[in-house]
Amino acid sequence: VQLQASGGGLVQAGGSLRLSCAASGGTFSSYTMGWFRQAPGKEREFVAGISWNIINERCADFVNGRFTISRDSAKNMVYLQMNSLKPEDTGVYYCAAVRYGSIFRRTDDYSYWGQGTLVTVSS
């Protein structure tokens, strides 16, 4: 499956962004989807995930209710709605997929990756 993330940009602290990830070339409904981010000089980290059957969602502790992950199987899309953004949320955000997987938090557990979209939150 091919993934393409979009929706990043520059936003002030406290603002919102919605990231989108378009999937193609596979059976989208069979993939657990995840969002990760990577800040400059840091390792890529898990942000949120949603299971292939839409039963489970997980978010990292630092999200603290600010972000929501969702998916639209009819459009082969997964979204990350980010509210109350903070400067520390700055980074490149990646979507990832693993077939019939659990919501893994490790990058190694995902088979497919998009190219990333840059989110910059100014103070």
C-alpha atoms as a PDB file:
ATOM      1  CA  VAL A   1       0.000   0.000   0.000  1.00  0.00           C
ATOM      2  CA  GLN A   2       1.195   3.536  -0.776  1.00  0.00           C
ATOM      3  CA  LEU A   3       0.621   6.322   1.725  1.00  0.00           C
ATOM      4  CA  GLN A   4       0.687  10.056   1.210  1.00  0.00           C
ATOM      5  CA  ALA A   5       0.397  12.448   4.122  1.00  0.00           C
ATOM      6  CA  SER A   6      -0.707  16.049   3.780  1.00  0.00           C
ATOM      7  CA  GLY A   7      -2.132  18.925   5.762  1.00  0.00           C
ATOM      8  CA  GLY A   8       0.921  20.154   7.617  1.00  0.00           C
ATOM      9  CA  GLY A   9       1.798  23.804   7.878  1.00  0.00           C
ATOM     10  CA  LEU A  10       2.640  26.686  10.151  1.00  0.00           C
ATOM     11  CA  VAL A  11       0.233  27.416  12.981  1.00  0.00           C
ATOM     12  CA  GLN A  12       0.358  29.472  16.143  1.00  0.00           C
ATOM     13  CA  ALA A  13       0.305  27.841  19.548  1.00  0.00           C
ATOM     14  CA  GLY A  14      -3.253  27.003  20.520  1.00  0.00           C
ATOM     15  CA  GLY A  15      -4.291  26.533  16.922  1.00  0.00           C
ATOM     16  CA  SER A  16      -5.480  23.469  15.044  1.00  0.00           C
ATOM     17  CA  LEU A  17      -4.509  21.421  12.028  1.00  0.00           C
ATOM     18  CA  ARG A  18      -5.983  18.354  10.398  1.00  0.00           C
ATOM     19  CA  LEU A  19      -3.555  15.960   8.815  1.00  0.00           C
ATOM     20  CA  SER A  20      -4.700  13.568   6.129  1.00  0.00           C
ATOM     21  CA  CYS A  21      -3.203  10.366   4.844  1.00  0.00           C
ATOM     22  CA  ALA A  22      -4.354   8.903   1.555  1.00  0.00           C
ATOM     23  CA  ALA A  23      -3.857   5.185   1.017  1.00  0.00           C
ATOM     24  CA  SER A  24      -3.762   3.463  -2.333  1.00  0.00           C
ATOM     25  CA  GLY A  25      -2.800   0.137  -3.808  1.00  0.00           C
ATOM     26  CA  GLY A  26      -4.106  -2.084  -1.068  1.00  0.00           C
ATOM     27  CA  THR A  27      -7.200  -3.155   0.808  1.00  0.00           C
ATOM     28  CA  PHE A  28      -7.402  -0.176   3.131  1.00  0.00           C
ATOM     29  CA  SER A  29      -9.843  -1.809   5.518  1.00  0.00           C
ATOM     30  CA  SER A  30      -7.284  -4.497   6.359  1.00  0.00           C
ATOM     31  CA  TYR A  31      -4.642  -2.067   7.614  1.00  0.00           C
ATOM     32  CA  THR A  32      -4.110  -0.713  11.069  1.00  0.00           C
ATOM     33  CA  MET A  33      -3.014   2.891  10.663  1.00  0.00           C
ATOM     34  CA  GLY A  34      -0.715   4.957  12.798  1.00  0.00           C
ATOM     35  CA  TRP A  35       0.572   8.501  13.010  1.00  0.00           C
ATOM     36  CA  PHE A  36       4.122   9.157  14.135  1.00  0.00           C
ATOM     37  CA  ARG A  37       6.165  12.300  14.399  1.00  0.00           C
ATOM     38  CA  GLN A  38       9.798  13.207  14.404  1.00  0.00           C
ATOM     39  CA  ALA A  39      11.180  16.418  15.822  1.00  0.00           C
ATOM     40  CA  PRO A  40      14.613  17.677  14.762  1.00  0.00           C
ATOM     41  CA  GLY A  41      17.326  15.667  16.446  1.00  0.00           C
ATOM     42  CA  LYS A  42      14.882  13.234  18.027  1.00  0.00           C
ATOM     43  CA  GLU A  43      13.660   9.761  17.279  1.00  0.00           C
ATOM     44  CA  ARG A  44      10.402   9.118  15.544  1.00  0.00           C
ATOM     45  CA  GLU A  45       7.644   8.599  18.087  1.00  0.00           C
ATOM     46  CA  PHE A  46       4.135   7.216  18.135  1.00  0.00           C
ATOM     47  CA  VAL A  47       1.311   9.752  18.182  1.00  0.00           C
ATOM     48  CA  ALA A  48      -1.909   7.847  17.552  1.00  0.00           C
ATOM     49  CA  GLY A  49      -3.244   4.710  15.933  1.00  0.00           C
ATOM     50  CA  ILE A  50      -6.519   3.199  14.822  1.00  0.00           C
ATOM     51  CA  SER A  51      -7.107  -0.482  14.255  1.00  0.00           C
ATOM     52  CA  TRP A  52      -8.058  -2.010  10.915  1.00  0.00           C
ATOM     53  CA  ASN A  53     -11.534  -2.855  12.254  1.00  0.00           C
ATOM     54  CA  ILE A  54     -11.966   0.628  13.795  1.00  0.00           C
ATOM     55  CA  ILE A  55     -12.650  -0.962  17.174  1.00  0.00           C
ATOM     56  CA  ASN A  56      -9.571   0.399  18.893  1.00  0.00           C
ATOM     57  CA  GLU A  57      -7.834   3.748  19.028  1.00  0.00           C
ATOM     58  CA  ARG A  58      -4.745   4.676  20.970  1.00  0.00           C
ATOM     59  CA  CYS A  59      -2.954   7.941  21.572  1.00  0.00           C
ATOM     60  CA  ALA A  60       0.365   8.734  23.150  1.00  0.00           C
ATOM     61  CA  ASP A  61       0.255  10.136  26.658  1.00  0.00           C
ATOM     62  CA  PHE A  62       1.458  13.535  25.514  1.00  0.00           C
ATOM     63  CA  VAL A  63      -1.647  13.928  23.352  1.00  0.00           C
ATOM     64  CA  ASN A  64      -3.717  14.361  26.497  1.00  0.00           C
ATOM     65  CA  GLY A  65      -7.021  14.585  24.625  1.00  0.00           C
ATOM     66  CA  ARG A  66      -5.847  17.198  22.116  1.00  0.00           C
ATOM     67  CA  PHE A  67      -5.639  14.945  19.041  1.00  0.00           C
ATOM     68  CA  THR A  68      -8.190  12.632  17.452  1.00  0.00           C
ATOM     69  CA  ILE A  69      -7.482   9.924  14.910  1.00  0.00           C
ATOM     70  CA  SER A  70     -10.157   8.738  12.525  1.00  0.00           C
ATOM     71  CA  ARG A  71     -10.474   6.873   9.262  1.00  0.00           C
ATOM     72  CA  ASP A  72     -12.861   6.901   6.320  1.00  0.00           C
ATOM     73  CA  SER A  73     -12.839   3.518   4.651  1.00  0.00           C
ATOM     74  CA  ALA A  74     -14.961   4.744   1.755  1.00  0.00           C
ATOM     75  CA  LYS A  75     -12.277   7.286   0.869  1.00  0.00           C
ATOM     76  CA  ASN A  76      -9.223   5.259   1.950  1.00  0.00           C
ATOM     77  CA  MET A  77      -8.221   8.095   4.248  1.00  0.00           C
ATOM     78  CA  VAL A  78      -6.988   8.428   7.784  1.00  0.00           C
ATOM     79  CA  TYR A  79      -6.993  11.734   9.622  1.00  0.00           C
ATOM     80  CA  LEU A  80      -5.341  13.284  12.617  1.00  0.00           C
ATOM     81  CA  GLN A  81      -7.207  16.257  14.024  1.00  0.00           C
ATOM     82  CA  MET A  82      -4.836  18.240  16.195  1.00  0.00           C
ATOM     83  CA  ASN A  83      -6.154  20.918  18.521  1.00  0.00           C
ATOM     84  CA  SER A  84      -4.510  23.098  21.162  1.00  0.00           C
ATOM     85  CA  LEU A  85      -1.185  22.734  19.425  1.00  0.00           C
ATOM     86  CA  LYS A  86       1.996  23.498  21.318  1.00  0.00           C
ATOM     87  CA  PRO A  87       5.466  24.427  20.043  1.00  0.00           C
ATOM     88  CA  GLU A  88       6.683  21.009  21.194  1.00  0.00           C
ATOM     89  CA  ASP A  89       4.304  19.419  18.677  1.00  0.00           C
ATOM     90  CA  THR A  90       6.548  20.700  15.902  1.00  0.00           C
ATOM     91  CA  GLY A  91       7.949  17.994  13.682  1.00  0.00           C
ATOM     92  CA  VAL A  92       7.449  15.911  10.591  1.00  0.00           C
ATOM     93  CA  TYR A  93       4.338  13.776  10.892  1.00  0.00           C
ATOM     94  CA  TYR A  94       4.201  10.414   9.182  1.00  0.00           C
ATOM     95  CA  CYS A  95       1.386   8.003   8.576  1.00  0.00           C
ATOM     96  CA  ALA A  96       2.112   4.298   8.671  1.00  0.00           C
ATOM     97  CA  ALA A  97       0.278   1.055   8.033  1.00  0.00           C
ATOM     98  CA  VAL A  98       0.481  -2.569   9.035  1.00  0.00           C
ATOM     99  CA  ARG A  99      -1.823  -5.258   7.729  1.00  0.00           C
ATOM    100  CA  TYR A 100      -4.210  -6.677  10.322  1.00  0.00           C
ATOM    101  CA  GLY A 101      -1.906  -5.437  13.034  1.00  0.00           C
ATOM    102  CA  SER A 102      -2.496  -4.275  16.532  1.00  0.00           C
ATOM    103  CA  ILE A 103      -1.949  -0.602  17.277  1.00  0.00           C
ATOM    104  CA  PHE A 104       1.788  -0.858  17.638  1.00  0.00           C
ATOM    105  CA  ARG A 105       3.825   1.959  19.117  1.00  0.00           C
ATOM    106  CA  ARG A 106       7.161   0.969  17.634  1.00  0.00           C
ATOM    107  CA  THR A 107       8.170   2.128  14.183  1.00  0.00           C
ATOM    108  CA  ASP A 108       9.614  -1.311  13.377  1.00  0.00           C
ATOM    109  CA  ASP A 109       6.166  -2.878  13.627  1.00  0.00           C
ATOM    110  CA  TYR A 110       4.765  -0.907  10.688  1.00  0.00           C
ATOM    111  CA  SER A 111       5.327  -2.109   7.148  1.00  0.00           C
ATOM    112  CA  TYR A 112       4.448   0.952   5.095  1.00  0.00           C
ATOM    113  CA  TRP A 113       5.210   4.634   5.516  1.00  0.00           C
ATOM    114  CA  GLY A 114       4.182   7.857   3.897  1.00  0.00           C
ATOM    115  CA  GLN A 115       6.609  10.644   3.083  1.00  0.00           C
ATOM    116  CA  GLY A 116       5.742  12.906   6.005  1.00  0.00           C
ATOM    117  CA  THR A 117       4.231  16.347   6.343  1.00  0.00           C
ATOM    118  CA  LEU A 118       5.832  19.157   8.327  1.00  0.00           C
ATOM    119  CA  VAL A 119       3.979  20.744  11.222  1.00  0.00           C
ATOM    120  CA  THR A 120       5.451  23.895  12.713  1.00  0.00           C
ATOM    121  CA  VAL A 121       3.874  25.445  15.800  1.00  0.00           C
ATOM    122  CA  SER A 122       5.072  28.920  16.658  1.00  0.00           C
ATOM    123  CA  SER A 123       4.960  30.346  20.165  1.00  0.00           C
END
